N, C-alpha and C. Protein backbone atom coordinates (compact mmCIF):
# COMPACT_ATOMS: atom_id res chain seq x y z
N UNK A 1 -11.00 -15.11 -13.30
CA UNK A 1 -10.74 -14.12 -12.28
C UNK A 1 -10.94 -14.78 -10.91
N UNK A 2 -10.04 -14.52 -10.02
CA UNK A 2 -10.14 -15.02 -8.65
C UNK A 2 -10.80 -13.95 -7.80
N UNK A 3 -11.85 -14.32 -7.06
CA UNK A 3 -12.53 -13.38 -6.19
C UNK A 3 -12.20 -13.68 -4.75
N UNK A 4 -12.09 -12.63 -3.93
CA UNK A 4 -11.78 -12.76 -2.52
C UNK A 4 -12.89 -12.16 -1.68
N UNK A 5 -13.13 -12.77 -0.52
CA UNK A 5 -13.99 -12.16 0.48
C UNK A 5 -13.20 -10.98 1.04
N UNK A 6 -13.82 -9.84 1.24
CA UNK A 6 -13.05 -8.65 1.59
C UNK A 6 -12.83 -8.46 3.10
N UNK A 7 -13.14 -9.45 3.92
CA UNK A 7 -12.97 -9.27 5.36
C UNK A 7 -11.51 -9.22 5.80
N UNK A 8 -10.69 -10.07 5.23
CA UNK A 8 -9.29 -10.11 5.66
C UNK A 8 -8.43 -10.65 4.51
N UNK A 9 -7.66 -9.77 3.87
CA UNK A 9 -6.80 -10.14 2.75
C UNK A 9 -5.35 -10.05 3.21
N UNK A 10 -4.54 -11.04 2.81
CA UNK A 10 -3.13 -11.05 3.17
C UNK A 10 -2.24 -11.07 1.95
N UNK A 11 -1.05 -10.53 2.10
CA UNK A 11 -0.03 -10.55 1.06
C UNK A 11 1.23 -11.13 1.67
N UNK A 12 1.79 -12.14 1.05
CA UNK A 12 3.06 -12.71 1.48
C UNK A 12 3.98 -12.61 0.27
N UNK A 13 5.26 -12.37 0.51
CA UNK A 13 6.20 -12.27 -0.61
C UNK A 13 7.57 -12.71 -0.16
N UNK A 14 8.41 -13.04 -1.14
CA UNK A 14 9.75 -13.48 -0.80
C UNK A 14 10.65 -13.52 -2.01
N UNK A 15 11.89 -13.88 -1.75
CA UNK A 15 12.93 -13.99 -2.76
C UNK A 15 13.77 -15.21 -2.41
N UNK A 16 14.08 -16.03 -3.38
CA UNK A 16 14.86 -17.23 -3.11
C UNK A 16 15.77 -17.58 -4.28
N UNK A 17 16.96 -18.04 -3.95
CA UNK A 17 17.87 -18.57 -4.97
C UNK A 17 17.37 -19.96 -5.34
N UNK A 18 17.06 -20.19 -6.60
CA UNK A 18 16.56 -21.50 -7.03
C UNK A 18 17.70 -22.51 -7.16
N UNK A 19 18.84 -22.05 -7.66
CA UNK A 19 20.02 -22.91 -7.77
C UNK A 19 21.22 -22.05 -8.09
N UNK A 20 22.40 -22.62 -7.88
CA UNK A 20 23.67 -21.98 -8.21
C UNK A 20 24.58 -23.08 -8.75
N UNK A 21 24.32 -23.51 -9.99
CA UNK A 21 24.95 -24.71 -10.54
C UNK A 21 26.36 -24.53 -11.09
N UNK A 22 26.80 -23.30 -11.31
CA UNK A 22 28.15 -23.13 -11.85
C UNK A 22 29.22 -23.50 -10.82
N UNK A 23 28.90 -23.42 -9.55
CA UNK A 23 29.88 -23.71 -8.49
C UNK A 23 30.27 -25.18 -8.42
N UNK A 24 29.33 -26.06 -8.80
CA UNK A 24 29.60 -27.50 -8.69
C UNK A 24 29.30 -28.27 -9.97
N UNK A 25 29.29 -27.57 -11.10
CA UNK A 25 28.95 -28.19 -12.39
C UNK A 25 27.63 -28.94 -12.35
N UNK A 26 26.63 -28.30 -11.75
CA UNK A 26 25.29 -28.89 -11.68
C UNK A 26 24.64 -28.96 -13.05
N UNK A 27 23.49 -29.62 -13.15
CA UNK A 27 22.87 -29.88 -14.45
C UNK A 27 22.49 -28.64 -15.26
N UNK A 28 22.10 -27.57 -14.62
CA UNK A 28 21.72 -26.37 -15.38
C UNK A 28 22.93 -25.74 -16.07
N UNK A 29 24.09 -25.96 -15.52
CA UNK A 29 25.33 -25.39 -16.07
C UNK A 29 26.07 -26.38 -16.96
N UNK A 30 26.14 -27.63 -16.57
CA UNK A 30 27.02 -28.59 -17.23
C UNK A 30 26.33 -29.50 -18.25
N UNK A 31 25.02 -29.63 -18.17
CA UNK A 31 24.33 -30.55 -19.07
C UNK A 31 23.62 -29.80 -20.19
N UNK A 32 23.09 -30.54 -21.17
CA UNK A 32 22.31 -29.97 -22.27
C UNK A 32 20.98 -30.72 -22.35
N UNK A 33 20.07 -30.17 -23.14
CA UNK A 33 18.76 -30.79 -23.29
C UNK A 33 17.79 -30.27 -22.25
N UNK A 34 16.61 -30.89 -22.16
CA UNK A 34 15.59 -30.43 -21.21
C UNK A 34 16.05 -30.64 -19.76
N UNK A 35 15.94 -29.58 -18.97
CA UNK A 35 16.29 -29.64 -17.55
C UNK A 35 15.30 -28.81 -16.77
N UNK A 36 15.02 -29.22 -15.56
CA UNK A 36 14.14 -28.42 -14.71
C UNK A 36 14.49 -28.64 -13.24
N UNK A 37 14.09 -27.67 -12.45
CA UNK A 37 14.25 -27.77 -11.01
C UNK A 37 13.04 -27.10 -10.36
N UNK A 38 12.69 -27.56 -9.18
CA UNK A 38 11.58 -26.93 -8.46
C UNK A 38 12.00 -26.70 -7.01
N UNK A 39 11.46 -25.62 -6.45
CA UNK A 39 11.76 -25.24 -5.06
C UNK A 39 10.43 -25.03 -4.35
N UNK A 40 10.26 -25.68 -3.21
CA UNK A 40 9.03 -25.54 -2.43
C UNK A 40 9.10 -24.27 -1.59
N UNK A 41 8.03 -23.50 -1.62
CA UNK A 41 7.90 -22.27 -0.83
C UNK A 41 6.76 -22.48 0.17
N UNK A 42 7.02 -22.14 1.44
CA UNK A 42 6.00 -22.22 2.48
C UNK A 42 5.66 -20.80 2.92
N UNK A 43 4.38 -20.48 2.94
CA UNK A 43 3.95 -19.15 3.35
C UNK A 43 4.23 -18.94 4.83
N UNK A 44 4.38 -17.67 5.24
CA UNK A 44 4.60 -17.34 6.65
C UNK A 44 3.48 -17.89 7.53
N UNK A 45 2.25 -17.85 7.02
CA UNK A 45 1.12 -18.48 7.69
C UNK A 45 0.12 -18.88 6.61
N UNK A 46 -0.68 -19.91 6.86
CA UNK A 46 -1.60 -20.38 5.82
C UNK A 46 -2.67 -19.35 5.47
N UNK A 47 -3.04 -19.34 4.21
CA UNK A 47 -4.17 -18.56 3.74
C UNK A 47 -5.45 -19.34 4.03
N UNK A 48 -6.59 -18.70 3.87
CA UNK A 48 -7.89 -19.37 4.07
C UNK A 48 -8.15 -20.36 2.94
N UNK A 49 -7.73 -20.03 1.74
CA UNK A 49 -7.82 -20.89 0.56
C UNK A 49 -6.59 -20.59 -0.31
N UNK A 50 -6.44 -21.33 -1.38
CA UNK A 50 -5.29 -21.11 -2.26
C UNK A 50 -5.26 -19.67 -2.77
N UNK A 51 -4.16 -18.95 -2.56
CA UNK A 51 -4.07 -17.56 -3.00
C UNK A 51 -3.70 -17.44 -4.48
N UNK A 52 -3.74 -16.24 -4.99
CA UNK A 52 -3.19 -15.94 -6.32
C UNK A 52 -1.70 -15.73 -6.13
N UNK A 53 -0.88 -16.37 -6.95
CA UNK A 53 0.58 -16.30 -6.81
C UNK A 53 1.20 -15.88 -8.13
N UNK A 54 2.17 -14.98 -8.04
CA UNK A 54 2.94 -14.59 -9.21
C UNK A 54 4.42 -14.77 -8.90
N UNK A 55 5.20 -15.09 -9.91
CA UNK A 55 6.64 -15.32 -9.73
C UNK A 55 7.38 -14.75 -10.94
N UNK A 56 8.60 -14.26 -10.70
CA UNK A 56 9.43 -13.76 -11.78
C UNK A 56 10.90 -13.88 -11.42
N UNK A 57 11.74 -13.86 -12.42
CA UNK A 57 13.18 -13.93 -12.17
C UNK A 57 13.69 -12.55 -11.80
N UNK A 58 14.37 -12.46 -10.67
CA UNK A 58 14.93 -11.19 -10.22
C UNK A 58 16.44 -11.15 -10.44
N UNK A 59 17.03 -12.29 -10.73
CA UNK A 59 18.46 -12.37 -11.08
C UNK A 59 18.65 -13.62 -11.92
N UNK A 60 19.31 -13.48 -13.03
CA UNK A 60 19.70 -14.66 -13.80
C UNK A 60 21.10 -14.46 -14.33
N UNK A 61 21.87 -15.51 -14.28
CA UNK A 61 23.27 -15.50 -14.69
C UNK A 61 23.42 -16.63 -15.70
N UNK A 62 23.53 -16.26 -16.99
CA UNK A 62 23.59 -17.26 -18.06
C UNK A 62 24.82 -17.05 -18.93
N UNK A 63 25.29 -18.14 -19.49
CA UNK A 63 26.44 -18.12 -20.38
C UNK A 63 26.06 -17.40 -21.68
N UNK A 64 26.81 -16.37 -22.05
CA UNK A 64 26.51 -15.59 -23.25
C UNK A 64 26.90 -16.31 -24.54
N UNK A 65 27.57 -17.45 -24.44
CA UNK A 65 27.98 -18.19 -25.64
C UNK A 65 26.89 -19.12 -26.18
N UNK A 66 25.80 -19.29 -25.42
CA UNK A 66 24.71 -20.17 -25.83
C UNK A 66 23.41 -19.38 -25.89
N UNK A 67 22.39 -19.98 -26.48
CA UNK A 67 21.08 -19.34 -26.54
C UNK A 67 20.50 -19.24 -25.13
N UNK A 68 19.82 -18.13 -24.86
CA UNK A 68 19.20 -17.91 -23.56
C UNK A 68 17.75 -18.39 -23.61
N UNK A 69 17.49 -19.50 -22.91
CA UNK A 69 16.15 -20.08 -22.88
C UNK A 69 15.76 -20.28 -21.43
N UNK A 70 14.61 -19.76 -21.03
CA UNK A 70 14.18 -19.90 -19.64
C UNK A 70 12.66 -19.87 -19.56
N UNK A 71 12.13 -20.69 -18.67
CA UNK A 71 10.70 -20.72 -18.38
C UNK A 71 10.56 -20.83 -16.87
N UNK A 72 9.85 -19.89 -16.25
CA UNK A 72 9.63 -19.92 -14.80
C UNK A 72 8.13 -19.89 -14.55
N UNK A 73 7.66 -20.74 -13.64
CA UNK A 73 6.23 -20.84 -13.38
C UNK A 73 5.99 -21.35 -11.96
N UNK A 74 4.71 -21.46 -11.60
CA UNK A 74 4.33 -22.00 -10.30
C UNK A 74 3.52 -23.27 -10.52
N UNK A 75 3.50 -24.11 -9.51
CA UNK A 75 2.65 -25.30 -9.53
C UNK A 75 2.31 -25.68 -8.09
N UNK A 76 1.33 -26.54 -7.95
CA UNK A 76 0.93 -27.07 -6.64
C UNK A 76 0.61 -25.97 -5.62
N UNK A 77 -0.10 -24.93 -6.07
CA UNK A 77 -0.46 -23.84 -5.16
C UNK A 77 -1.57 -24.33 -4.23
N UNK A 78 -1.36 -24.15 -2.94
CA UNK A 78 -2.39 -24.46 -1.95
C UNK A 78 -2.33 -23.41 -0.85
N UNK A 79 -3.12 -23.56 0.19
CA UNK A 79 -3.21 -22.53 1.23
C UNK A 79 -1.93 -22.41 2.05
N UNK A 80 -1.05 -23.43 2.02
CA UNK A 80 0.17 -23.41 2.83
C UNK A 80 1.43 -23.06 2.04
N UNK A 81 1.39 -23.16 0.72
CA UNK A 81 2.58 -22.86 -0.07
C UNK A 81 2.41 -23.25 -1.53
N UNK A 82 3.52 -23.35 -2.24
CA UNK A 82 3.52 -23.68 -3.66
C UNK A 82 4.93 -24.06 -4.07
N UNK A 83 5.11 -24.41 -5.33
CA UNK A 83 6.43 -24.69 -5.88
C UNK A 83 6.73 -23.73 -7.02
N UNK A 84 7.98 -23.26 -7.05
CA UNK A 84 8.49 -22.49 -8.20
C UNK A 84 9.21 -23.50 -9.10
N UNK A 85 8.91 -23.46 -10.39
CA UNK A 85 9.53 -24.38 -11.35
C UNK A 85 10.31 -23.56 -12.37
N UNK A 86 11.58 -23.91 -12.55
CA UNK A 86 12.42 -23.29 -13.58
C UNK A 86 12.81 -24.36 -14.58
N UNK A 87 12.67 -24.04 -15.89
CA UNK A 87 13.03 -24.98 -16.95
C UNK A 87 13.92 -24.30 -17.97
N UNK A 88 14.80 -25.08 -18.56
CA UNK A 88 15.58 -24.64 -19.72
C UNK A 88 15.76 -25.85 -20.63
N UNK A 89 16.34 -25.63 -21.82
CA UNK A 89 16.48 -26.70 -22.79
C UNK A 89 17.57 -26.34 -23.79
N UNK A 90 17.85 -27.26 -24.68
CA UNK A 90 18.87 -27.05 -25.70
C UNK A 90 20.25 -26.92 -25.09
N UNK A 91 21.06 -26.03 -25.66
CA UNK A 91 22.44 -25.86 -25.18
C UNK A 91 22.59 -24.77 -24.12
N UNK A 92 21.48 -24.20 -23.65
CA UNK A 92 21.52 -23.11 -22.67
C UNK A 92 22.27 -23.53 -21.42
N UNK A 93 23.16 -22.65 -20.96
CA UNK A 93 23.91 -22.88 -19.71
C UNK A 93 23.50 -21.80 -18.71
N UNK A 94 22.88 -22.24 -17.62
CA UNK A 94 22.40 -21.32 -16.59
C UNK A 94 23.25 -21.51 -15.34
N UNK A 95 23.92 -20.44 -14.93
CA UNK A 95 24.77 -20.52 -13.75
C UNK A 95 23.94 -20.46 -12.47
N UNK A 96 23.02 -19.48 -12.39
CA UNK A 96 22.18 -19.35 -11.20
C UNK A 96 20.97 -18.48 -11.50
N UNK A 97 19.94 -18.68 -10.68
CA UNK A 97 18.70 -17.93 -10.83
C UNK A 97 18.14 -17.61 -9.44
N UNK A 98 17.67 -16.38 -9.29
CA UNK A 98 16.91 -15.99 -8.09
C UNK A 98 15.52 -15.60 -8.55
N UNK A 99 14.51 -16.03 -7.79
CA UNK A 99 13.12 -15.71 -8.12
C UNK A 99 12.49 -14.92 -6.98
N UNK A 100 11.68 -13.93 -7.34
CA UNK A 100 10.86 -13.19 -6.38
C UNK A 100 9.41 -13.61 -6.62
N UNK A 101 8.63 -13.71 -5.56
CA UNK A 101 7.24 -14.14 -5.66
C UNK A 101 6.35 -13.31 -4.75
N UNK A 102 5.05 -13.32 -5.07
CA UNK A 102 4.06 -12.65 -4.24
C UNK A 102 2.77 -13.46 -4.28
N UNK A 103 2.16 -13.63 -3.10
CA UNK A 103 0.89 -14.33 -2.98
C UNK A 103 -0.12 -13.38 -2.33
N UNK A 104 -1.32 -13.34 -2.89
CA UNK A 104 -2.39 -12.49 -2.37
C UNK A 104 -3.64 -13.36 -2.22
N UNK A 105 -4.23 -13.33 -1.02
CA UNK A 105 -5.42 -14.14 -0.82
C UNK A 105 -6.11 -13.86 0.49
N UNK A 106 -7.19 -14.59 0.70
CA UNK A 106 -7.96 -14.45 1.93
C UNK A 106 -7.21 -15.09 3.09
N UNK A 107 -7.27 -14.42 4.23
CA UNK A 107 -6.73 -14.99 5.46
C UNK A 107 -7.89 -15.52 6.30
N UNK A 108 -7.62 -16.52 7.14
CA UNK A 108 -8.68 -17.00 8.03
C UNK A 108 -9.13 -15.87 8.96
N UNK A 109 -10.40 -15.93 9.38
CA UNK A 109 -10.87 -14.94 10.34
C UNK A 109 -11.63 -15.66 11.45
N UNK A 110 -11.84 -14.98 12.54
CA UNK A 110 -12.37 -15.57 13.77
C UNK A 110 -13.69 -16.31 13.57
N UNK A 111 -14.54 -15.88 12.66
CA UNK A 111 -15.85 -16.50 12.47
C UNK A 111 -15.79 -17.77 11.63
N UNK A 112 -14.63 -18.16 11.11
CA UNK A 112 -14.52 -19.40 10.34
C UNK A 112 -14.79 -20.61 11.22
N UNK A 113 -15.49 -21.58 10.69
CA UNK A 113 -15.74 -22.84 11.39
C UNK A 113 -14.84 -23.89 10.77
N UNK A 114 -14.14 -24.63 11.59
CA UNK A 114 -13.31 -25.73 11.09
C UNK A 114 -14.07 -27.03 11.29
N UNK A 115 -14.59 -27.58 10.20
CA UNK A 115 -15.37 -28.81 10.29
C UNK A 115 -14.60 -30.02 9.74
N UNK A 116 -13.31 -29.85 9.57
CA UNK A 116 -12.52 -30.96 9.04
C UNK A 116 -12.09 -31.92 10.12
C-alpha cells in the first residue's frame, strides 16, 4: 500500500495514442512474434515523490482474423513522469491503441526543504 502525506495531494491524468501502425505497415500491424512499444509521459508538474499510476486501454483496433493478445503496463515511474508499455505476441495484428492514465500522489508544499 502506498501512503501519502495528507497536506497536498494531486491528480494528473491524460489520454494518448500509443501507435497507429496500420497506416504505414508498422510492426504491430505487419509483423508477428513478440513486439512492444513504449511512450514516455511527462506530468503537468512534478509530484513530491513517485505517485501511484494506473493505465488502461481506452481504444483498441485489432484484426479480427487473428488472436487478440495485449498487455499494457507502466514502468520507470518517477516524480516527473513514467512510461506506458504495450506488448503483443504471436500472430496478433494491432492497428492502433489509445491509453488513458491517472497518477495520484503528494505534491510539493511550501515547507519542503530542497537539500539536493
